[in-house]
Protein backbone atom coordinates (compact mmCIF):
# COMPACT_ATOMS: atom_id res chain seq x y z
CA UNK A 1 -16.55 2.91 26.97
CA UNK A 2 -15.19 4.29 23.65
CA UNK A 3 -15.91 2.22 20.62
CA UNK A 4 -12.62 1.72 18.76
CA UNK A 5 -13.85 -0.66 16.15
CA UNK A 6 -13.36 0.46 12.52
CA UNK A 7 -16.39 1.88 10.73
CA UNK A 8 -18.01 -0.53 8.35
CA UNK A 9 -19.08 0.02 4.69
CA UNK A 10 -20.93 -2.29 2.38
CA UNK A 11 -17.72 -3.93 1.52
CA UNK A 12 -16.30 -4.30 4.98
CA UNK A 13 -14.43 -2.03 7.28
CA UNK A 14 -13.73 1.62 6.15
CA UNK A 15 -10.02 1.52 7.15
CA UNK A 16 -9.39 5.01 5.83
CA UNK A 17 -12.11 6.65 7.94
CA UNK A 18 -11.07 4.61 10.96
CA UNK A 19 -7.45 5.61 10.54
CA UNK A 20 -7.96 9.38 10.60
CA UNK A 21 -11.06 9.58 12.85
CA UNK A 22 -12.38 12.07 13.98
CA UNK A 23 -11.08 13.88 10.90
CA UNK A 24 -13.16 13.46 7.82
CA UNK A 25 -11.60 12.30 4.56
CA UNK A 26 -12.70 15.56 2.82
CA UNK A 27 -10.93 17.64 5.47
CA UNK A 28 -7.81 15.52 5.37
CA UNK A 29 -7.50 15.69 1.57
CA UNK A 30 -8.23 19.37 1.40
CA UNK A 31 -5.93 20.57 4.23
CA UNK A 32 -3.24 18.00 4.71
CA UNK A 33 -2.72 15.40 1.95
CA UNK A 34 0.54 16.25 0.09
CA UNK A 35 0.56 19.59 1.98
CA UNK A 36 1.49 19.38 5.61
CA UNK A 37 1.73 17.29 8.78
CA UNK A 38 -1.43 16.06 10.30
CA UNK A 39 -1.31 15.05 14.02
CA UNK A 40 -4.32 12.99 14.97
CA UNK A 41 -4.43 13.27 18.73
CA UNK A 42 -6.33 10.89 20.96
CA UNK A 43 -6.18 10.21 24.67
CA UNK A 44 -3.89 7.20 25.37
CA UNK A 45 -5.86 4.20 24.25
CA UNK A 46 -5.64 0.77 22.48
CA UNK A 47 -7.06 2.32 19.28
CA UNK A 48 -4.50 0.62 17.05
CA UNK A 49 -3.69 -2.42 19.10
CA UNK A 50 -5.60 -4.89 16.94
CA UNK A 51 -3.19 -4.29 14.06
CA UNK A 52 -0.13 -6.09 15.39
CA UNK A 53 1.08 -7.36 18.72
CA UNK A 54 4.32 -8.36 20.44
CA UNK A 55 3.17 -11.95 19.87
CA UNK A 56 3.02 -11.41 16.15
CA UNK A 57 6.58 -10.04 16.18
CA UNK A 58 7.80 -13.04 18.18
CA UNK A 59 6.27 -15.42 15.73
CA UNK A 60 7.87 -13.72 12.76
CA UNK A 61 11.29 -13.48 14.55
CA UNK A 62 11.29 -16.96 15.95
CA UNK A 63 9.39 -19.26 13.66
CA UNK A 64 9.30 -17.89 10.09
CA UNK A 65 12.96 -18.27 9.18
CA UNK A 66 13.17 -14.50 8.55
CA UNK A 67 15.67 -13.37 5.95
CA UNK A 68 17.94 -10.34 5.94
CA UNK A 69 15.34 -8.24 4.06
CA UNK A 70 12.56 -9.14 6.53
CA UNK A 71 14.13 -7.70 9.67
CA UNK A 72 16.51 -4.84 9.90
CA UNK A 73 18.27 -3.27 12.93
CA UNK A 74 19.15 0.44 13.06
CA UNK A 75 20.43 2.96 15.60
CA UNK A 76 21.04 6.74 15.12
CA UNK A 77 24.51 6.60 16.76
CA UNK A 78 25.94 4.05 14.24
CA UNK A 79 25.02 1.39 11.68
CA UNK A 80 24.19 -2.17 12.75
CA UNK A 81 25.82 -4.35 10.29
CA UNK A 82 23.71 -7.28 9.13
CA UNK A 83 26.46 -9.72 10.00
CA UNK A 84 25.84 -8.92 13.63
CA UNK A 85 22.47 -10.55 13.60
CA UNK A 86 22.35 -12.80 10.55
CA UNK A 87 24.04 -16.09 9.57
CA UNK A 88 23.97 -17.42 6.00
CA UNK A 89 21.37 -14.77 5.20
CA UNK A 90 18.96 -15.81 7.95
CA UNK A 91 18.15 -13.68 10.98
CA UNK A 92 19.32 -15.06 14.39
CA UNK A 93 16.61 -14.34 16.89
CA UNK A 94 18.86 -14.33 20.01
CA UNK A 95 21.28 -11.86 18.33
CA UNK A 96 18.34 -9.55 17.47
CA UNK A 97 17.12 -9.62 21.05
CA UNK A 98 20.63 -8.91 22.35
CA UNK A 99 21.03 -5.89 20.07
CA UNK A 100 17.61 -4.62 21.06
CA UNK A 101 18.70 -4.81 24.64
CA UNK A 102 21.70 -2.73 23.71
CA UNK A 103 19.61 0.09 22.14
CA UNK A 104 18.97 -0.93 18.56
CA UNK A 105 15.55 -0.41 16.90
CA UNK A 106 14.14 -3.50 15.26
CA UNK A 107 12.25 -2.94 11.95
CA UNK A 108 9.96 -5.65 10.62
CA UNK A 109 9.66 -4.87 6.93
CA UNK A 110 6.57 -5.54 4.85
CA UNK A 111 4.71 -7.17 7.72
CA UNK A 112 1.47 -6.98 5.80
CA UNK A 113 2.71 -10.11 3.99
CA UNK A 114 2.46 -12.06 7.14
CA UNK A 115 -0.20 -10.37 9.38
CA UNK A 116 -3.84 -10.47 8.00
CA UNK A 117 -4.94 -7.31 9.78
CA UNK A 118 -2.17 -5.33 8.30
CA UNK A 119 -2.89 -6.83 4.90
CA UNK A 120 -6.50 -5.75 5.15
CA UNK A 121 -5.48 -2.19 6.21
CA UNK A 122 -3.03 -1.91 3.29
CA UNK A 123 -5.69 -3.12 0.84
CA UNK A 124 -8.25 -0.64 2.18
CA UNK A 125 -5.86 2.36 1.98
CA UNK A 126 -4.59 1.20 -1.42
CA UNK A 127 -8.18 1.40 -2.70
CA UNK A 128 -8.76 4.81 -1.01
CA UNK A 129 -5.58 6.31 -2.40
CA UNK A 130 -5.08 4.39 -5.61
CA UNK A 131 -1.60 3.67 -4.17
CA UNK A 132 0.73 0.93 -3.36
CA UNK A 133 0.82 0.58 0.40
CA UNK A 134 3.23 -1.24 2.64
CA UNK A 135 3.90 -1.43 6.39
CA UNK A 136 7.09 -1.36 8.38
CA UNK A 137 6.73 -2.04 12.17
CA UNK A 138 9.27 -0.35 14.47
CA UNK A 139 10.13 -1.77 17.93
CA UNK A 140 12.36 0.72 19.71
CA UNK A 141 13.88 0.33 23.21
CA UNK A 142 13.56 2.95 25.91
CA UNK A 143 15.33 6.24 25.05
CA UNK A 144 16.13 4.81 21.61
CA UNK A 145 16.38 6.43 18.19
CA UNK A 146 16.54 4.48 15.02
CA UNK A 147 17.24 7.24 12.45
CA UNK A 148 18.74 10.69 12.47
CA UNK A 149 16.63 13.50 10.87
CA UNK A 150 15.69 12.49 7.29
CA UNK A 151 12.93 12.70 4.78
CA UNK A 152 11.02 9.97 2.85
CA UNK A 153 10.13 9.83 -0.77
CA UNK A 154 6.69 8.48 -0.07
CA UNK A 155 3.85 9.66 2.15
CA UNK A 156 3.74 8.16 5.64
CA UNK A 157 1.12 7.48 8.33
CA UNK A 158 2.61 6.58 11.75
CA UNK A 159 0.28 4.65 14.11
CA UNK A 160 1.43 4.47 17.71
CA UNK A 161 0.50 1.15 19.31
CA UNK A 162 2.29 1.31 22.62
CA UNK A 163 4.82 3.48 24.31
CA UNK A 164 5.52 7.08 23.40
CA UNK A 165 7.84 8.80 20.94
CA UNK A 166 8.90 12.38 20.86
CA UNK A 167 8.90 13.74 17.36
CA UNK A 168 10.98 16.58 15.96
CA UNK A 169 9.98 18.28 12.65
CA UNK A 170 12.46 20.31 10.61
CA UNK A 171 12.38 22.45 7.46
CA UNK A 172 11.29 20.82 4.21
CA UNK A 173 14.27 20.86 1.86
CA UNK A 174 12.58 19.21 -1.20
CA UNK A 175 8.91 19.49 -1.53
CA UNK A 176 7.26 16.30 -2.74
CA UNK A 177 10.48 14.61 -3.75
CA UNK A 178 10.52 11.94 -6.47
CA UNK A 179 11.88 8.53 -5.72
CA UNK A 180 15.35 9.56 -7.07
CA UNK A 181 15.49 12.55 -4.64
CA UNK A 182 16.36 10.56 -1.62
CA UNK A 183 17.73 12.03 1.61
CA UNK A 184 21.46 11.97 1.62
CA UNK A 185 23.36 11.26 4.83
CA UNK A 186 25.00 14.37 6.14
CA UNK A 187 22.36 16.80 4.91
CA UNK A 188 21.68 19.40 7.60
CA UNK A 189 18.10 19.23 8.98
CA UNK A 190 17.90 23.02 9.32
CA UNK A 191 15.71 24.69 11.88
CA UNK A 192 13.51 22.66 14.13
CA UNK A 193 9.90 23.70 13.33
CA UNK A 194 7.81 21.60 15.77
CA UNK A 195 8.04 19.10 18.57
CA UNK A 196 5.32 16.84 19.94
CA UNK A 197 4.80 13.47 21.68
CA UNK A 198 2.90 10.66 20.01
CA UNK A 199 1.29 8.34 22.46
CA UNK A 200 -0.60 5.07 22.14
CA UNK A 201 -3.76 5.44 20.04
CA UNK A 202 -2.54 8.57 18.21
CA UNK A 203 -1.23 8.99 14.67
CA UNK A 204 0.70 11.36 12.49
CA UNK A 205 0.72 11.88 8.75
CA UNK A 206 3.93 13.09 7.05
CA UNK A 207 3.89 14.15 3.44
CA UNK A 208 6.97 13.02 1.56
CA UNK A 209 9.84 15.47 1.88
CA UNK A 210 9.05 16.56 5.44
CA UNK A 211 12.28 16.23 7.48
CA UNK A 212 11.68 14.41 10.82
CA UNK A 213 13.18 12.36 13.54
CA UNK A 214 11.67 10.47 16.57
CA UNK A 215 13.02 9.12 19.80
CA UNK A 216 11.23 6.84 22.38
CA UNK A 217 10.76 8.02 25.84
CA UNK A 218 11.39 6.01 29.09
CA UNK A 219 9.55 2.86 27.80
CA UNK A 220 9.72 0.66 24.71
CA UNK A 221 7.82 1.93 21.68
CA UNK A 222 5.94 0.00 19.10
CA UNK A 223 4.43 1.76 16.03
CA UNK A 224 3.36 0.87 12.54
CA UNK A 225 4.52 3.00 9.62
CA UNK A 226 2.29 2.93 6.54
CA UNK A 227 4.13 3.99 3.41
CA UNK A 228 1.99 5.17 0.50
CA UNK A 229 3.88 5.02 -2.78
CA UNK A 230 1.59 6.82 -5.16
CA UNK A 231 2.02 7.44 -8.81
CA UNK A 232 3.06 10.92 -9.81
CA UNK A 233 2.24 12.90 -12.93
CA UNK A 234 5.89 12.75 -13.80
CA UNK A 235 5.79 8.96 -13.82
CA UNK A 236 2.63 9.09 -15.95
CA UNK A 237 4.20 11.31 -18.54
CA UNK A 238 7.48 9.26 -18.69
CA UNK A 239 5.46 6.09 -19.14
CA UNK A 240 3.25 7.64 -21.76
CA UNK A 241 6.15 8.78 -23.87
CA UNK A 242 7.86 5.38 -23.54
CA UNK A 243 4.72 3.56 -24.56
CA UNK A 244 4.10 6.02 -27.52
CA UNK A 245 7.68 5.42 -28.72
CA UNK A 246 6.92 1.69 -29.11
CA UNK A 247 4.21 2.63 -31.66
CA UNK A 248 5.80 5.75 -33.31
CA UNK A 249 9.09 5.29 -35.14
CA UNK A 250 9.83 8.97 -35.22
CA UNK A 251 10.08 8.95 -31.46
CA UNK A 252 12.74 6.31 -31.65
CA UNK A 253 15.01 8.25 -33.89
CA UNK A 254 18.18 9.84 -32.71
CA UNK A 255 18.25 13.52 -31.92
CA UNK A 256 19.52 15.73 -34.81
CA UNK A 257 23.22 15.08 -35.55
CA UNK A 258 23.99 18.78 -35.31
CA UNK A 259 21.95 19.74 -32.16
CA UNK A 260 25.08 20.34 -30.14
CA UNK A 261 26.86 22.43 -32.79
CA UNK A 262 26.96 26.13 -33.15
CA UNK A 263 24.14 27.40 -35.39
CA UNK A 264 21.45 25.01 -34.14
CA UNK A 265 19.04 27.61 -32.94
CA UNK A 266 16.79 27.70 -29.93
CA UNK A 267 13.87 28.28 -32.17
CA UNK A 268 14.61 25.06 -34.11
CA UNK A 269 15.00 23.12 -30.84
CA UNK A 270 11.60 24.35 -29.70
CA UNK A 271 10.06 23.51 -33.09
CA UNK A 272 11.45 19.92 -33.01
CA UNK A 273 10.38 19.45 -29.34
CA UNK A 274 6.82 20.69 -30.02
CA UNK A 275 6.61 18.42 -33.00
CA UNK A 276 7.29 15.37 -30.88
CA UNK A 277 4.90 16.45 -28.15
CA UNK A 278 2.20 16.93 -30.68
CA UNK A 279 2.88 13.45 -31.98
CA UNK A 280 2.40 11.94 -28.55
CA UNK A 281 -0.75 13.94 -27.85
CA UNK A 282 -2.36 13.17 -31.28
CA UNK A 283 -1.43 9.45 -31.72
CA UNK A 284 -1.14 8.03 -28.20
CA UNK A 285 -4.03 6.69 -26.14
CA UNK A 286 -3.13 7.39 -22.40
CA UNK A 287 -5.66 4.69 -21.33
CA UNK A 288 -2.71 2.19 -21.81
CA UNK A 289 -0.84 3.85 -18.85
CA UNK A 290 -3.96 4.31 -16.74
CA UNK A 291 -4.55 0.62 -17.10
CA UNK A 292 -1.04 -0.32 -16.26
CA UNK A 293 -0.94 1.67 -13.06
CA UNK A 294 -4.35 0.41 -12.10
CA UNK A 295 -3.16 -3.19 -12.55
CA UNK A 296 -0.14 -2.53 -10.44
CA UNK A 297 -2.37 -1.20 -7.56
CA UNK A 298 -4.66 -4.14 -7.92
CA UNK A 299 -1.74 -6.51 -7.73
CA UNK A 300 -0.01 -4.94 -4.80
CA UNK A 301 -2.78 -4.16 -2.32
CA UNK A 302 -4.51 -7.46 -1.65
CA UNK A 303 -5.61 -9.27 1.50
CA UNK A 304 -3.88 -12.43 2.69
CA UNK A 305 -5.58 -15.52 1.32
CA UNK A 306 -5.77 -17.61 4.45
CA UNK A 307 -8.73 -19.92 3.54
CA UNK A 308 -8.12 -21.24 -0.01
CA UNK A 309 -7.89 -24.85 0.94
CA UNK A 310 -10.76 -24.67 3.51
CA UNK A 311 -12.99 -23.04 0.89
CA UNK A 312 -12.10 -25.68 -1.75
CA UNK A 313 -12.34 -28.68 0.52
CA UNK A 314 -15.57 -27.79 2.31
CA UNK A 315 -17.42 -31.14 2.51
CA UNK A 316 -20.75 -29.51 1.82
CA UNK A 317 -21.31 -29.23 -1.87
CA UNK A 318 -22.11 -25.78 -3.18
CA UNK A 319 -25.81 -25.43 -3.89
CA UNK A 320 -28.29 -22.71 -4.93
CA UNK A 321 -28.93 -22.12 -1.28
CA UNK A 322 -25.25 -21.71 -0.29
CA UNK A 323 -24.48 -18.23 0.91
CA UNK A 324 -21.49 -16.20 -0.45
CA UNK A 325 -19.88 -12.90 -0.02
CA UNK A 326 -17.23 -11.06 -1.98
CA UNK A 327 -13.87 -11.25 -0.29
CA UNK A 328 -13.29 -8.19 1.99
CA UNK A 329 -10.25 -6.15 1.05
CA UNK A 330 -9.93 -7.72 -2.43
CA UNK A 331 -10.13 -5.01 -5.09
CA UNK A 332 -11.62 -6.05 -8.44
CA UNK A 333 -12.02 -4.38 -11.73
CA UNK A 334 -14.71 -5.79 -14.11
CA UNK A 335 -15.62 -4.75 -17.59
CA UNK A 336 -16.98 -6.12 -20.86
CA UNK A 337 -14.31 -6.25 -23.60
CA UNK A 338 -15.77 -7.46 -26.85
CA UNK A 339 -17.27 -10.97 -26.42
CA UNK A 340 -15.87 -11.56 -22.95
CA UNK A 341 -16.20 -10.29 -19.41
CA UNK A 342 -12.75 -9.38 -18.03
CA UNK A 343 -12.25 -9.50 -14.26
CA UNK A 344 -8.88 -8.18 -12.93
CA UNK A 345 -7.81 -8.81 -9.38
CA UNK A 346 -4.60 -9.57 -7.41
CA UNK A 347 -2.53 -9.38 -10.49
CA UNK A 348 -4.75 -11.90 -12.30
CA UNK A 349 -7.21 -11.82 -15.18
CA UNK A 350 -10.34 -13.96 -15.45
CA UNK A 351 -12.12 -14.12 -18.76
CA UNK A 352 -15.82 -15.32 -18.91
CA UNK A 353 -18.48 -15.15 -21.59
CA UNK A 354 -20.12 -11.70 -22.03
CA UNK A 355 -23.57 -13.22 -21.59
CA UNK A 356 -22.82 -13.74 -17.88
CA UNK A 357 -21.92 -10.06 -17.26
CA UNK A 358 -25.02 -9.16 -15.05
CA UNK A 359 -24.22 -12.15 -12.78
CA UNK A 360 -20.51 -11.37 -12.54
CA UNK A 361 -21.07 -7.69 -11.91
CA UNK A 362 -23.56 -8.57 -9.19
CA UNK A 363 -21.14 -11.05 -7.51
CA UNK A 364 -18.29 -8.62 -7.37
CA UNK A 365 -20.23 -5.49 -6.25
CA UNK A 366 -22.79 -7.09 -3.83
CA UNK A 367 -22.88 -5.10 -0.62
CA UNK A 368 -24.06 -8.02 1.53
CA UNK A 369 -24.20 -11.82 1.63
CA UNK A 370 -26.23 -13.53 -1.04
CA UNK A 371 -27.32 -17.00 -2.02
CA UNK A 372 -26.19 -18.51 -5.24
CA UNK A 373 -29.75 -18.54 -6.49
CA UNK A 374 -29.77 -14.68 -6.02
CA UNK A 375 -27.40 -14.23 -9.02
CA UNK A 376 -29.21 -12.56 -11.92
CA UNK A 377 -31.13 -14.87 -14.25
CA UNK A 378 -28.92 -14.23 -17.24
CA UNK A 379 -27.66 -17.63 -16.11
CA UNK A 380 -29.72 -20.79 -15.49
CA UNK A 381 -29.27 -22.74 -12.28
CA UNK A 382 -26.30 -24.72 -13.60
CA UNK A 383 -24.68 -21.52 -14.91
CA UNK A 384 -25.07 -19.84 -11.52
CA UNK A 385 -23.36 -22.82 -9.71
CA UNK A 386 -20.56 -22.86 -12.29
CA UNK A 387 -19.81 -19.21 -11.89
CA UNK A 388 -20.06 -19.36 -8.11
CA UNK A 389 -17.66 -22.37 -7.95
CA UNK A 390 -15.18 -20.52 -10.21
CA UNK A 391 -15.19 -17.36 -8.22
CA UNK A 392 -14.78 -19.28 -4.93
CA UNK A 393 -11.83 -21.27 -6.38
CA UNK A 394 -10.27 -17.99 -7.59
CA UNK A 395 -10.65 -16.45 -4.16
CA UNK A 396 -12.96 -13.68 -5.30
CA UNK A 397 -15.95 -15.00 -3.30
CA UNK A 398 -16.04 -16.72 0.02
CA UNK A 399 -18.59 -19.29 1.29
CA UNK A 400 -20.26 -18.13 4.56
CA UNK A 401 -22.68 -21.02 5.14
CA UNK A 402 -23.73 -24.23 3.56
CA UNK A 403 -26.90 -24.57 1.52
């Protein structure tokens, strides 16, 4: 029997390695990432089935009071107006099912916000790619097609869970488009470059800008689309100049009054432009932008916190013998800044005395379970218990057994 369980690392599952197996991450990044399509072929199997099920979709559709932005219906032969399946902004389950029977594809948007396994997958990939990651789940009826040929402005992994889709790949019109370079309806797809079938247990990676379309075969299709919205160098430079302008008055000044008049030479334009670039390079610390982007990744790719009350209300008091582990899938960033330890995670900041740095660093980087007493002795017994209680309350650590 083939083992389909994700590989494990010290911090939990290695979702990235599991996603592209048997390809190595080095091979994927060298030959495919941001370059070309990667078709990960496997024999039909339940490889991705643990991610989401029809039961999960039924719960979201039927019991979560889904809103118009949570569920969307599409079909390639015509738009499905939201009024056909919503009432007062809420999705009507029976109408969604009726339209699905009539050939519409049902899209469950941002399902990582509701399904823990998808949340862990997104957190793992966000950490691997330093990217914001989201999931859209597509349920397509037999012989159905949700979208005509188009491209996306973010990288995509498509994980086929059940059923089969036939994919068509066309010419790339805009290589690595920015978010503002979206596909416009009516754009010709050009020549078809490749066709293949994606069956259950297989996956495909599509770099942004690659024109594509997919149609289900004679059975319903269920697949997960992972969208990787990475930060580009263009975004970094724009943010850097904007941040520098907050500090440098000269960058906030108007352009020369006569720049559009005759006589304002190209040499003068180049000189003025170079002067401002030199100002940004010499006076601006880009660490501000690196930190901002890092914080956005930390805030967006987090696991679902499904045990906060049970962790808090455990009747067994936390003791030196209580065993803890760092929360799998939660990305943290710890550093000493002046007289405090600063811990960033899930869009939050936690400030602690700098003297407890060895214990904090140990707690957020430990590669296995540990007892509270195992925290470094920079803290006494009471200090260790205080730190452990705080990190459990904040959701950074989880109790695994009583003391």
